[in-house]
Amino acid sequence: MGLSALKTMEWKSTSDRISDDLRQMIIEGQLVPGEQLGEARIAELLGVSRAPVREALQQLVQEKLLVAARNKGVSVVSFTATDIWEIYDARFAIESHAAVRIIDGGPGMRARAIDDLRAVLERLGTAAKRGNHREISTTDLDFHMTLVGSGGNGRLATLSRCGLRRSR
């Protein structure tokens, strides 16, 4: 296998890195529902300008992890039982469709999907053995994104990113 197992490094902008970190903090409960997030304070803590922080916060508002209120800034959203049901219902629809596309894609597509998913499951097992909750969470998300991506519909994979992130 050797170097062929290497994956292309994903380039991420500063705002993407900030939104990834804030998203993970919300998922892990480090940022609690209703907590206000000040753009200036975050920029100061990270040593960056306010522009990438503003962009990151807007991305999380679009993902419905944060809510923006006029003259109050942004705060962490509180999920209702209906919100959670809708997220998992959407995930089921997306992943079921991807699974059908993989099955219908023939032996080659199925073999690639199985190999890719098996590799992610091995990483998930390693993370679980370590008890690293952050790694478990991100690897679990990788599993779902790999499943959807293996279906061969790039637009669906892109659209699902937002919904799958919210379901964590």
N, C-alpha and C. Protein backbone atom coordinates (compact mmCIF):
# COMPACT_ATOMS: atom_id res chain seq x y z
N MET A 1 0.84 -1.19 0.00
CA MET A 1 0.00 0.00 0.00
C MET A 1 0.88 1.25 0.00
N GLY A 2 1.78 1.40 0.97
CA GLY A 2 2.76 2.48 0.99
C GLY A 2 2.16 3.86 0.89
N LEU A 3 2.82 4.72 0.12
CA LEU A 3 2.40 6.12 0.00
C LEU A 3 1.06 6.28 -0.71
N SER A 4 0.60 5.27 -1.40
CA SER A 4 -0.69 5.38 -2.09
C SER A 4 -1.85 5.55 -1.11
N ALA A 5 -1.60 5.27 0.17
CA ALA A 5 -2.65 5.44 1.18
C ALA A 5 -2.82 6.89 1.62
N LEU A 6 -1.86 7.74 1.23
CA LEU A 6 -1.96 9.16 1.59
C LEU A 6 -3.15 9.79 0.90
N LYS A 7 -3.80 10.71 1.59
CA LYS A 7 -4.92 11.44 1.01
C LYS A 7 -4.48 12.87 0.79
N THR A 8 -5.07 13.50 -0.20
CA THR A 8 -4.78 14.89 -0.51
C THR A 8 -5.11 15.75 0.70
N MET A 9 -4.22 16.66 1.04
CA MET A 9 -4.47 17.57 2.15
C MET A 9 -5.57 18.55 1.77
N GLU A 10 -6.47 18.76 2.67
CA GLU A 10 -7.56 19.68 2.42
C GLU A 10 -7.14 21.08 2.87
N TRP A 11 -7.15 22.01 1.94
CA TRP A 11 -6.84 23.39 2.27
C TRP A 11 -8.06 24.03 2.89
N LYS A 12 -7.84 24.72 4.00
CA LYS A 12 -8.96 25.38 4.67
C LYS A 12 -8.61 26.83 4.93
N SER A 13 -9.57 27.68 4.70
CA SER A 13 -9.39 29.10 4.98
C SER A 13 -9.44 29.31 6.49
N THR A 14 -9.02 30.49 6.92
CA THR A 14 -9.07 30.83 8.34
C THR A 14 -10.51 30.77 8.85
N SER A 15 -11.45 31.27 8.06
CA SER A 15 -12.85 31.25 8.51
C SER A 15 -13.36 29.82 8.62
N ASP A 16 -12.95 28.94 7.71
CA ASP A 16 -13.37 27.53 7.81
C ASP A 16 -12.79 26.88 9.06
N ARG A 17 -11.56 27.18 9.38
CA ARG A 17 -10.94 26.61 10.59
C ARG A 17 -11.67 27.11 11.84
N ILE A 18 -12.01 28.38 11.85
CA ILE A 18 -12.73 28.96 12.99
C ILE A 18 -14.11 28.31 13.11
N SER A 19 -14.83 28.20 12.00
CA SER A 19 -16.17 27.60 12.07
C SER A 19 -16.08 26.14 12.48
N ASP A 20 -15.06 25.42 12.00
CA ASP A 20 -14.89 24.02 12.42
C ASP A 20 -14.68 23.91 13.93
N ASP A 21 -13.83 24.79 14.47
CA ASP A 21 -13.56 24.76 15.91
C ASP A 21 -14.80 25.13 16.73
N LEU A 22 -15.49 26.17 16.31
CA LEU A 22 -16.70 26.58 17.03
C LEU A 22 -17.78 25.51 16.93
N ARG A 23 -17.93 24.90 15.75
CA ARG A 23 -18.91 23.84 15.56
C ARG A 23 -18.62 22.69 16.52
N GLN A 24 -17.34 22.31 16.60
CA GLN A 24 -16.96 21.21 17.48
C GLN A 24 -17.24 21.56 18.94
N MET A 25 -16.99 22.82 19.31
CA MET A 25 -17.26 23.25 20.68
C MET A 25 -18.76 23.18 20.99
N ILE A 26 -19.59 23.48 20.01
CA ILE A 26 -21.04 23.38 20.20
C ILE A 26 -21.43 21.92 20.36
N ILE A 27 -20.90 21.08 19.48
CA ILE A 27 -21.19 19.64 19.51
C ILE A 27 -20.82 19.04 20.86
N GLU A 28 -19.66 19.44 21.38
CA GLU A 28 -19.16 18.88 22.63
C GLU A 28 -19.77 19.54 23.86
N GLY A 29 -20.59 20.56 23.67
CA GLY A 29 -21.23 21.22 24.79
C GLY A 29 -20.36 22.24 25.51
N GLN A 30 -19.22 22.57 24.91
CA GLN A 30 -18.35 23.60 25.50
C GLN A 30 -18.97 24.98 25.33
N LEU A 31 -19.79 25.13 24.28
CA LEU A 31 -20.59 26.34 24.10
C LEU A 31 -22.04 25.91 24.28
N VAL A 32 -22.72 26.50 25.22
CA VAL A 32 -24.05 26.03 25.60
C VAL A 32 -25.16 26.83 24.91
N PRO A 33 -26.33 26.23 24.75
CA PRO A 33 -27.45 26.95 24.14
C PRO A 33 -27.69 28.28 24.83
N GLY A 34 -27.86 29.32 24.00
CA GLY A 34 -28.10 30.67 24.51
C GLY A 34 -26.84 31.48 24.73
N GLU A 35 -25.68 30.82 24.73
CA GLU A 35 -24.42 31.54 24.97
C GLU A 35 -24.13 32.51 23.84
N GLN A 36 -23.84 33.77 24.21
CA GLN A 36 -23.52 34.81 23.24
C GLN A 36 -22.07 34.65 22.77
N LEU A 37 -21.86 34.83 21.47
CA LEU A 37 -20.52 34.75 20.90
C LEU A 37 -20.15 36.10 20.32
N GLY A 38 -19.21 36.77 20.95
CA GLY A 38 -18.78 38.08 20.50
C GLY A 38 -17.68 37.99 19.45
N GLU A 39 -17.95 38.60 18.32
CA GLU A 39 -17.00 38.59 17.21
C GLU A 39 -15.64 39.16 17.62
N ALA A 40 -15.65 40.29 18.30
CA ALA A 40 -14.40 40.94 18.69
C ALA A 40 -13.61 40.07 19.68
N ARG A 41 -14.30 39.48 20.61
CA ARG A 41 -13.64 38.63 21.62
C ARG A 41 -13.00 37.40 20.98
N ILE A 42 -13.72 36.76 20.07
CA ILE A 42 -13.19 35.58 19.39
C ILE A 42 -11.96 35.97 18.57
N ALA A 43 -12.05 37.08 17.84
CA ALA A 43 -10.92 37.54 17.03
C ALA A 43 -9.70 37.81 17.91
N GLU A 44 -9.94 38.42 19.05
CA GLU A 44 -8.84 38.72 19.98
C GLU A 44 -8.21 37.43 20.51
N LEU A 45 -9.03 36.48 20.92
CA LEU A 45 -8.52 35.21 21.44
C LEU A 45 -7.70 34.44 20.41
N LEU A 46 -8.14 34.50 19.15
CA LEU A 46 -7.47 33.75 18.09
C LEU A 46 -6.34 34.52 17.42
N GLY A 47 -6.26 35.80 17.69
CA GLY A 47 -5.21 36.61 17.07
C GLY A 47 -5.43 36.81 15.58
N VAL A 48 -6.70 36.96 15.19
CA VAL A 48 -7.04 37.18 13.79
C VAL A 48 -7.92 38.43 13.69
N SER A 49 -8.11 38.90 12.47
CA SER A 49 -9.00 40.04 12.29
C SER A 49 -10.46 39.59 12.46
N ARG A 50 -11.34 40.54 12.52
CA ARG A 50 -12.76 40.22 12.72
C ARG A 50 -13.41 39.64 11.48
N ALA A 51 -12.85 39.91 10.29
CA ALA A 51 -13.47 39.46 9.04
C ALA A 51 -13.64 37.93 8.97
N PRO A 52 -12.60 37.12 9.22
CA PRO A 52 -12.81 35.67 9.15
C PRO A 52 -13.72 35.16 10.27
N VAL A 53 -13.72 35.83 11.41
CA VAL A 53 -14.62 35.44 12.51
C VAL A 53 -16.06 35.71 12.09
N ARG A 54 -16.29 36.88 11.51
CA ARG A 54 -17.63 37.24 11.04
C ARG A 54 -18.12 36.22 10.00
N GLU A 55 -17.23 35.85 9.07
CA GLU A 55 -17.58 34.86 8.04
C GLU A 55 -17.90 33.50 8.68
N ALA A 56 -17.10 33.09 9.65
CA ALA A 56 -17.33 31.81 10.34
C ALA A 56 -18.66 31.81 11.07
N LEU A 57 -18.96 32.90 11.76
CA LEU A 57 -20.21 33.00 12.49
C LEU A 57 -21.40 32.95 11.53
N GLN A 58 -21.28 33.63 10.39
CA GLN A 58 -22.36 33.61 9.39
C GLN A 58 -22.57 32.20 8.85
N GLN A 59 -21.48 31.47 8.64
CA GLN A 59 -21.60 30.09 8.17
C GLN A 59 -22.37 29.26 9.18
N LEU A 60 -22.07 29.43 10.46
CA LEU A 60 -22.76 28.66 11.51
C LEU A 60 -24.21 29.11 11.68
N VAL A 61 -24.50 30.37 11.38
CA VAL A 61 -25.89 30.83 11.36
C VAL A 61 -26.63 30.14 10.23
N GLN A 62 -26.00 30.04 9.06
CA GLN A 62 -26.62 29.36 7.92
C GLN A 62 -26.85 27.88 8.21
N GLU A 63 -25.94 27.28 8.99
CA GLU A 63 -26.09 25.88 9.38
C GLU A 63 -27.09 25.70 10.52
N LYS A 64 -27.57 26.81 11.04
CA LYS A 64 -28.54 26.83 12.13
C LYS A 64 -27.98 26.29 13.44
N LEU A 65 -26.67 26.45 13.62
CA LEU A 65 -26.05 26.14 14.91
C LEU A 65 -26.00 27.39 15.78
N LEU A 66 -26.04 28.54 15.13
CA LEU A 66 -26.08 29.83 15.81
C LEU A 66 -27.31 30.57 15.31
N VAL A 67 -27.79 31.48 16.14
CA VAL A 67 -28.91 32.33 15.75
C VAL A 67 -28.47 33.78 15.90
N ALA A 68 -28.79 34.58 14.90
CA ALA A 68 -28.44 36.00 14.92
C ALA A 68 -29.66 36.81 15.31
N ALA A 69 -29.46 37.75 16.23
CA ALA A 69 -30.55 38.63 16.66
C ALA A 69 -30.07 40.07 16.50
N ARG A 70 -30.93 40.90 15.92
CA ARG A 70 -30.58 42.30 15.69
C ARG A 70 -30.17 42.97 17.00
N ASN A 71 -29.06 43.66 16.96
CA ASN A 71 -28.49 44.40 18.09
C ASN A 71 -28.07 43.51 19.26
N LYS A 72 -28.05 42.20 19.06
CA LYS A 72 -27.64 41.30 20.14
C LYS A 72 -26.51 40.38 19.71
N GLY A 73 -26.16 40.36 18.44
CA GLY A 73 -25.12 39.47 17.96
C GLY A 73 -25.63 38.07 17.72
N VAL A 74 -24.75 37.10 17.93
CA VAL A 74 -25.13 35.71 17.69
C VAL A 74 -25.02 34.91 18.98
N SER A 75 -25.83 33.87 19.06
CA SER A 75 -25.78 32.98 20.21
C SER A 75 -26.00 31.55 19.73
N VAL A 76 -25.62 30.61 20.59
CA VAL A 76 -25.76 29.19 20.29
C VAL A 76 -27.24 28.83 20.33
N VAL A 77 -27.68 28.09 19.32
CA VAL A 77 -29.08 27.73 19.19
C VAL A 77 -29.45 26.63 20.20
N SER A 78 -30.71 26.62 20.58
CA SER A 78 -31.27 25.54 21.40
C SER A 78 -32.07 24.65 20.48
N PHE A 79 -31.73 23.36 20.41
CA PHE A 79 -32.45 22.43 19.56
C PHE A 79 -33.69 21.91 20.27
N THR A 80 -34.79 21.89 19.53
CA THR A 80 -36.01 21.27 20.04
C THR A 80 -36.02 19.81 19.60
N ALA A 81 -36.92 19.04 20.15
CA ALA A 81 -37.07 17.65 19.74
C ALA A 81 -37.42 17.57 18.26
N THR A 82 -38.22 18.52 17.77
CA THR A 82 -38.58 18.56 16.35
C THR A 82 -37.36 18.81 15.49
N ASP A 83 -36.48 19.73 15.92
CA ASP A 83 -35.25 20.01 15.18
C ASP A 83 -34.43 18.74 15.02
N ILE A 84 -34.26 18.04 16.11
CA ILE A 84 -33.44 16.82 16.10
C ILE A 84 -34.07 15.76 15.21
N TRP A 85 -35.39 15.59 15.28
CA TRP A 85 -36.07 14.63 14.43
C TRP A 85 -35.88 14.99 12.96
N GLU A 86 -36.02 16.27 12.61
CA GLU A 86 -35.86 16.71 11.22
C GLU A 86 -34.45 16.46 10.71
N ILE A 87 -33.46 16.69 11.55
CA ILE A 87 -32.07 16.46 11.15
C ILE A 87 -31.84 14.99 10.83
N TYR A 88 -32.28 14.11 11.71
CA TYR A 88 -32.08 12.69 11.46
C TYR A 88 -32.94 12.18 10.31
N ASP A 89 -34.11 12.75 10.11
CA ASP A 89 -34.94 12.37 8.97
C ASP A 89 -34.25 12.76 7.66
N ALA A 90 -33.67 13.95 7.62
CA ALA A 90 -32.94 14.39 6.43
C ALA A 90 -31.72 13.51 6.20
N ARG A 91 -31.01 13.19 7.27
CA ARG A 91 -29.83 12.33 7.16
C ARG A 91 -30.23 10.97 6.59
N PHE A 92 -31.33 10.41 7.08
CA PHE A 92 -31.81 9.12 6.59
C PHE A 92 -32.10 9.19 5.09
N ALA A 93 -32.77 10.25 4.65
CA ALA A 93 -33.12 10.38 3.23
C ALA A 93 -31.87 10.48 2.37
N ILE A 94 -30.92 11.29 2.79
CA ILE A 94 -29.69 11.49 2.03
C ILE A 94 -28.87 10.20 1.97
N GLU A 95 -28.68 9.56 3.12
CA GLU A 95 -27.83 8.37 3.16
C GLU A 95 -28.50 7.17 2.49
N SER A 96 -29.81 7.07 2.57
CA SER A 96 -30.52 5.99 1.87
C SER A 96 -30.35 6.14 0.37
N HIS A 97 -30.48 7.37 -0.11
CA HIS A 97 -30.31 7.63 -1.54
C HIS A 97 -28.88 7.29 -1.97
N ALA A 98 -27.91 7.70 -1.17
CA ALA A 98 -26.51 7.39 -1.50
C ALA A 98 -26.28 5.88 -1.54
N ALA A 99 -26.86 5.15 -0.59
CA ALA A 99 -26.69 3.70 -0.56
C ALA A 99 -27.29 3.05 -1.81
N VAL A 100 -28.45 3.52 -2.24
CA VAL A 100 -29.06 2.98 -3.46
C VAL A 100 -28.16 3.26 -4.66
N ARG A 101 -27.61 4.45 -4.75
CA ARG A 101 -26.71 4.79 -5.87
C ARG A 101 -25.46 3.91 -5.84
N ILE A 102 -24.94 3.64 -4.66
CA ILE A 102 -23.76 2.77 -4.55
C ILE A 102 -24.11 1.36 -5.03
N ILE A 103 -25.22 0.83 -4.57
CA ILE A 103 -25.65 -0.52 -4.96
C ILE A 103 -25.89 -0.59 -6.47
N ASP A 104 -26.58 0.42 -7.01
CA ASP A 104 -26.87 0.45 -8.44
C ASP A 104 -25.64 0.75 -9.29
N GLY A 105 -24.59 1.26 -8.66
CA GLY A 105 -23.38 1.66 -9.39
C GLY A 105 -22.52 0.51 -9.86
N GLY A 106 -22.85 -0.68 -9.45
CA GLY A 106 -22.11 -1.84 -9.92
C GLY A 106 -20.99 -2.24 -8.98
N PRO A 107 -20.34 -3.35 -9.32
CA PRO A 107 -19.32 -3.93 -8.43
C PRO A 107 -18.16 -2.99 -8.12
N GLY A 108 -17.72 -2.23 -9.11
CA GLY A 108 -16.60 -1.31 -8.89
C GLY A 108 -16.92 -0.24 -7.87
N MET A 109 -18.09 0.37 -8.04
CA MET A 109 -18.51 1.43 -7.11
C MET A 109 -18.71 0.85 -5.71
N ARG A 110 -19.33 -0.32 -5.64
CA ARG A 110 -19.55 -0.95 -4.34
C ARG A 110 -18.23 -1.26 -3.66
N ALA A 111 -17.26 -1.80 -4.39
CA ALA A 111 -15.96 -2.16 -3.82
C ALA A 111 -15.23 -0.92 -3.30
N ARG A 112 -15.26 0.17 -4.08
CA ARG A 112 -14.61 1.41 -3.63
C ARG A 112 -15.27 1.94 -2.37
N ALA A 113 -16.61 1.93 -2.35
CA ALA A 113 -17.34 2.42 -1.17
C ALA A 113 -17.01 1.58 0.05
N ILE A 114 -16.99 0.26 -0.12
CA ILE A 114 -16.68 -0.63 1.00
C ILE A 114 -15.27 -0.37 1.52
N ASP A 115 -14.31 -0.24 0.62
CA ASP A 115 -12.92 0.03 1.03
C ASP A 115 -12.82 1.35 1.78
N ASP A 116 -13.45 2.39 1.23
CA ASP A 116 -13.39 3.71 1.86
C ASP A 116 -14.07 3.71 3.23
N LEU A 117 -15.25 3.06 3.31
CA LEU A 117 -15.97 3.02 4.58
C LEU A 117 -15.24 2.16 5.61
N ARG A 118 -14.65 1.07 5.17
CA ARG A 118 -13.89 0.21 6.07
C ARG A 118 -12.70 0.98 6.68
N ALA A 119 -12.03 1.78 5.86
CA ALA A 119 -10.89 2.57 6.35
C ALA A 119 -11.34 3.56 7.42
N VAL A 120 -12.49 4.19 7.20
CA VAL A 120 -13.01 5.14 8.20
C VAL A 120 -13.41 4.40 9.47
N LEU A 121 -14.03 3.23 9.32
CA LEU A 121 -14.42 2.44 10.50
C LEU A 121 -13.20 2.01 11.31
N GLU A 122 -12.10 1.71 10.65
CA GLU A 122 -10.87 1.36 11.38
C GLU A 122 -10.39 2.56 12.19
N ARG A 123 -10.44 3.75 11.60
CA ARG A 123 -10.05 4.96 12.33
C ARG A 123 -11.00 5.21 13.49
N LEU A 124 -12.28 4.93 13.28
CA LEU A 124 -13.27 5.11 14.34
C LEU A 124 -13.00 4.15 15.50
N GLY A 125 -12.66 2.92 15.17
CA GLY A 125 -12.32 1.95 16.21
C GLY A 125 -11.11 2.38 17.01
N THR A 126 -10.11 2.90 16.34
CA THR A 126 -8.91 3.39 17.02
C THR A 126 -9.25 4.55 17.95
N ALA A 127 -10.07 5.48 17.45
CA ALA A 127 -10.48 6.63 18.27
C ALA A 127 -11.26 6.17 19.49
N ALA A 128 -12.13 5.17 19.31
CA ALA A 128 -12.92 4.64 20.43
C ALA A 128 -12.03 3.99 21.47
N LYS A 129 -11.03 3.23 21.02
CA LYS A 129 -10.10 2.59 21.96
C LYS A 129 -9.34 3.63 22.78
N ARG A 130 -9.02 4.74 22.14
CA ARG A 130 -8.31 5.83 22.84
C ARG A 130 -9.24 6.60 23.77
N GLY A 131 -10.54 6.50 23.52
CA GLY A 131 -11.50 7.26 24.31
C GLY A 131 -11.48 8.74 23.97
N ASN A 132 -11.01 9.06 22.76
CA ASN A 132 -10.90 10.45 22.33
C ASN A 132 -12.24 10.88 21.71
N HIS A 133 -13.06 11.57 22.50
CA HIS A 133 -14.42 11.91 22.07
C HIS A 133 -14.43 12.85 20.87
N ARG A 134 -13.50 13.78 20.81
CA ARG A 134 -13.45 14.69 19.67
C ARG A 134 -13.12 13.92 18.39
N GLU A 135 -12.14 13.02 18.48
CA GLU A 135 -11.76 12.22 17.32
C GLU A 135 -12.90 11.27 16.92
N ILE A 136 -13.61 10.73 17.90
CA ILE A 136 -14.75 9.87 17.61
C ILE A 136 -15.80 10.66 16.84
N SER A 137 -16.10 11.85 17.30
CA SER A 137 -17.12 12.69 16.67
C SER A 137 -16.73 13.05 15.24
N THR A 138 -15.50 13.50 15.03
CA THR A 138 -15.10 13.90 13.69
C THR A 138 -14.99 12.70 12.76
N THR A 139 -14.55 11.56 13.27
CA THR A 139 -14.44 10.36 12.43
C THR A 139 -15.83 9.81 12.10
N ASP A 140 -16.76 9.90 13.03
CA ASP A 140 -18.13 9.49 12.75
C ASP A 140 -18.71 10.35 11.63
N LEU A 141 -18.46 11.65 11.69
CA LEU A 141 -18.91 12.54 10.62
C LEU A 141 -18.23 12.15 9.30
N ASP A 142 -16.94 11.82 9.35
CA ASP A 142 -16.24 11.36 8.15
C ASP A 142 -16.91 10.13 7.55
N PHE A 143 -17.38 9.22 8.41
CA PHE A 143 -18.05 8.02 7.92
C PHE A 143 -19.29 8.40 7.12
N HIS A 144 -20.11 9.27 7.69
CA HIS A 144 -21.34 9.67 7.00
C HIS A 144 -21.04 10.43 5.71
N MET A 145 -20.03 11.30 5.74
CA MET A 145 -19.66 12.04 4.53
C MET A 145 -19.09 11.10 3.48
N THR A 146 -18.34 10.09 3.90
CA THR A 146 -17.79 9.11 2.96
C THR A 146 -18.91 8.31 2.31
N LEU A 147 -19.89 7.92 3.10
CA LEU A 147 -21.03 7.18 2.57
C LEU A 147 -21.74 8.01 1.49
N VAL A 148 -22.06 9.24 1.81
CA VAL A 148 -22.77 10.10 0.86
C VAL A 148 -21.88 10.38 -0.36
N GLY A 149 -20.60 10.66 -0.13
CA GLY A 149 -19.69 10.92 -1.23
C GLY A 149 -19.51 9.72 -2.15
N SER A 150 -19.58 8.53 -1.58
CA SER A 150 -19.42 7.31 -2.37
C SER A 150 -20.58 7.08 -3.32
N GLY A 151 -21.69 7.78 -3.09
CA GLY A 151 -22.85 7.66 -3.98
C GLY A 151 -22.65 8.32 -5.32
N GLY A 152 -21.58 9.11 -5.45
CA GLY A 152 -21.24 9.68 -6.74
C GLY A 152 -22.01 10.93 -7.13
N ASN A 153 -22.78 11.50 -6.22
CA ASN A 153 -23.51 12.72 -6.52
C ASN A 153 -22.86 13.86 -5.74
N GLY A 154 -21.98 14.59 -6.41
CA GLY A 154 -21.22 15.66 -5.76
C GLY A 154 -22.09 16.75 -5.17
N ARG A 155 -23.17 17.08 -5.84
CA ARG A 155 -24.06 18.12 -5.32
C ARG A 155 -24.74 17.65 -4.03
N LEU A 156 -25.15 16.41 -4.00
CA LEU A 156 -25.78 15.88 -2.80
C LEU A 156 -24.78 15.84 -1.65
N ALA A 157 -23.55 15.47 -1.95
CA ALA A 157 -22.51 15.44 -0.92
C ALA A 157 -22.28 16.84 -0.35
N THR A 158 -22.25 17.83 -1.23
CA THR A 158 -22.05 19.22 -0.77
C THR A 158 -23.23 19.68 0.07
N LEU A 159 -24.44 19.40 -0.38
CA LEU A 159 -25.63 19.80 0.37
C LEU A 159 -25.72 19.10 1.72
N SER A 160 -25.26 17.86 1.77
CA SER A 160 -25.40 17.09 3.01
C SER A 160 -24.42 17.55 4.07
N ARG A 161 -23.33 18.18 3.68
CA ARG A 161 -22.32 18.61 4.66
C ARG A 161 -22.95 19.43 5.78
N CYS A 162 -23.76 20.38 5.42
CA CYS A 162 -24.38 21.25 6.42
C CYS A 162 -25.31 20.44 7.34
N GLY A 163 -26.18 19.64 6.77
CA GLY A 163 -27.12 18.87 7.57
C GLY A 163 -26.46 17.84 8.44
N LEU A 164 -25.41 17.19 7.94
CA LEU A 164 -24.73 16.19 8.74
C LEU A 164 -23.96 16.83 9.87
N ARG A 165 -23.40 17.98 9.64
CA ARG A 165 -22.69 18.67 10.73
C ARG A 165 -23.65 18.98 11.87
N ARG A 166 -24.84 19.43 11.51
CA ARG A 166 -25.81 19.82 12.54
C ARG A 166 -26.29 18.64 13.36
N SER A 167 -26.22 17.46 12.79
CA SER A 167 -26.79 16.32 13.53
C SER A 167 -25.84 15.75 14.57
N ARG A 168 -24.68 16.25 14.69
CA ARG A 168 -23.69 15.74 15.64
C ARG A 168 -24.06 16.12 17.04
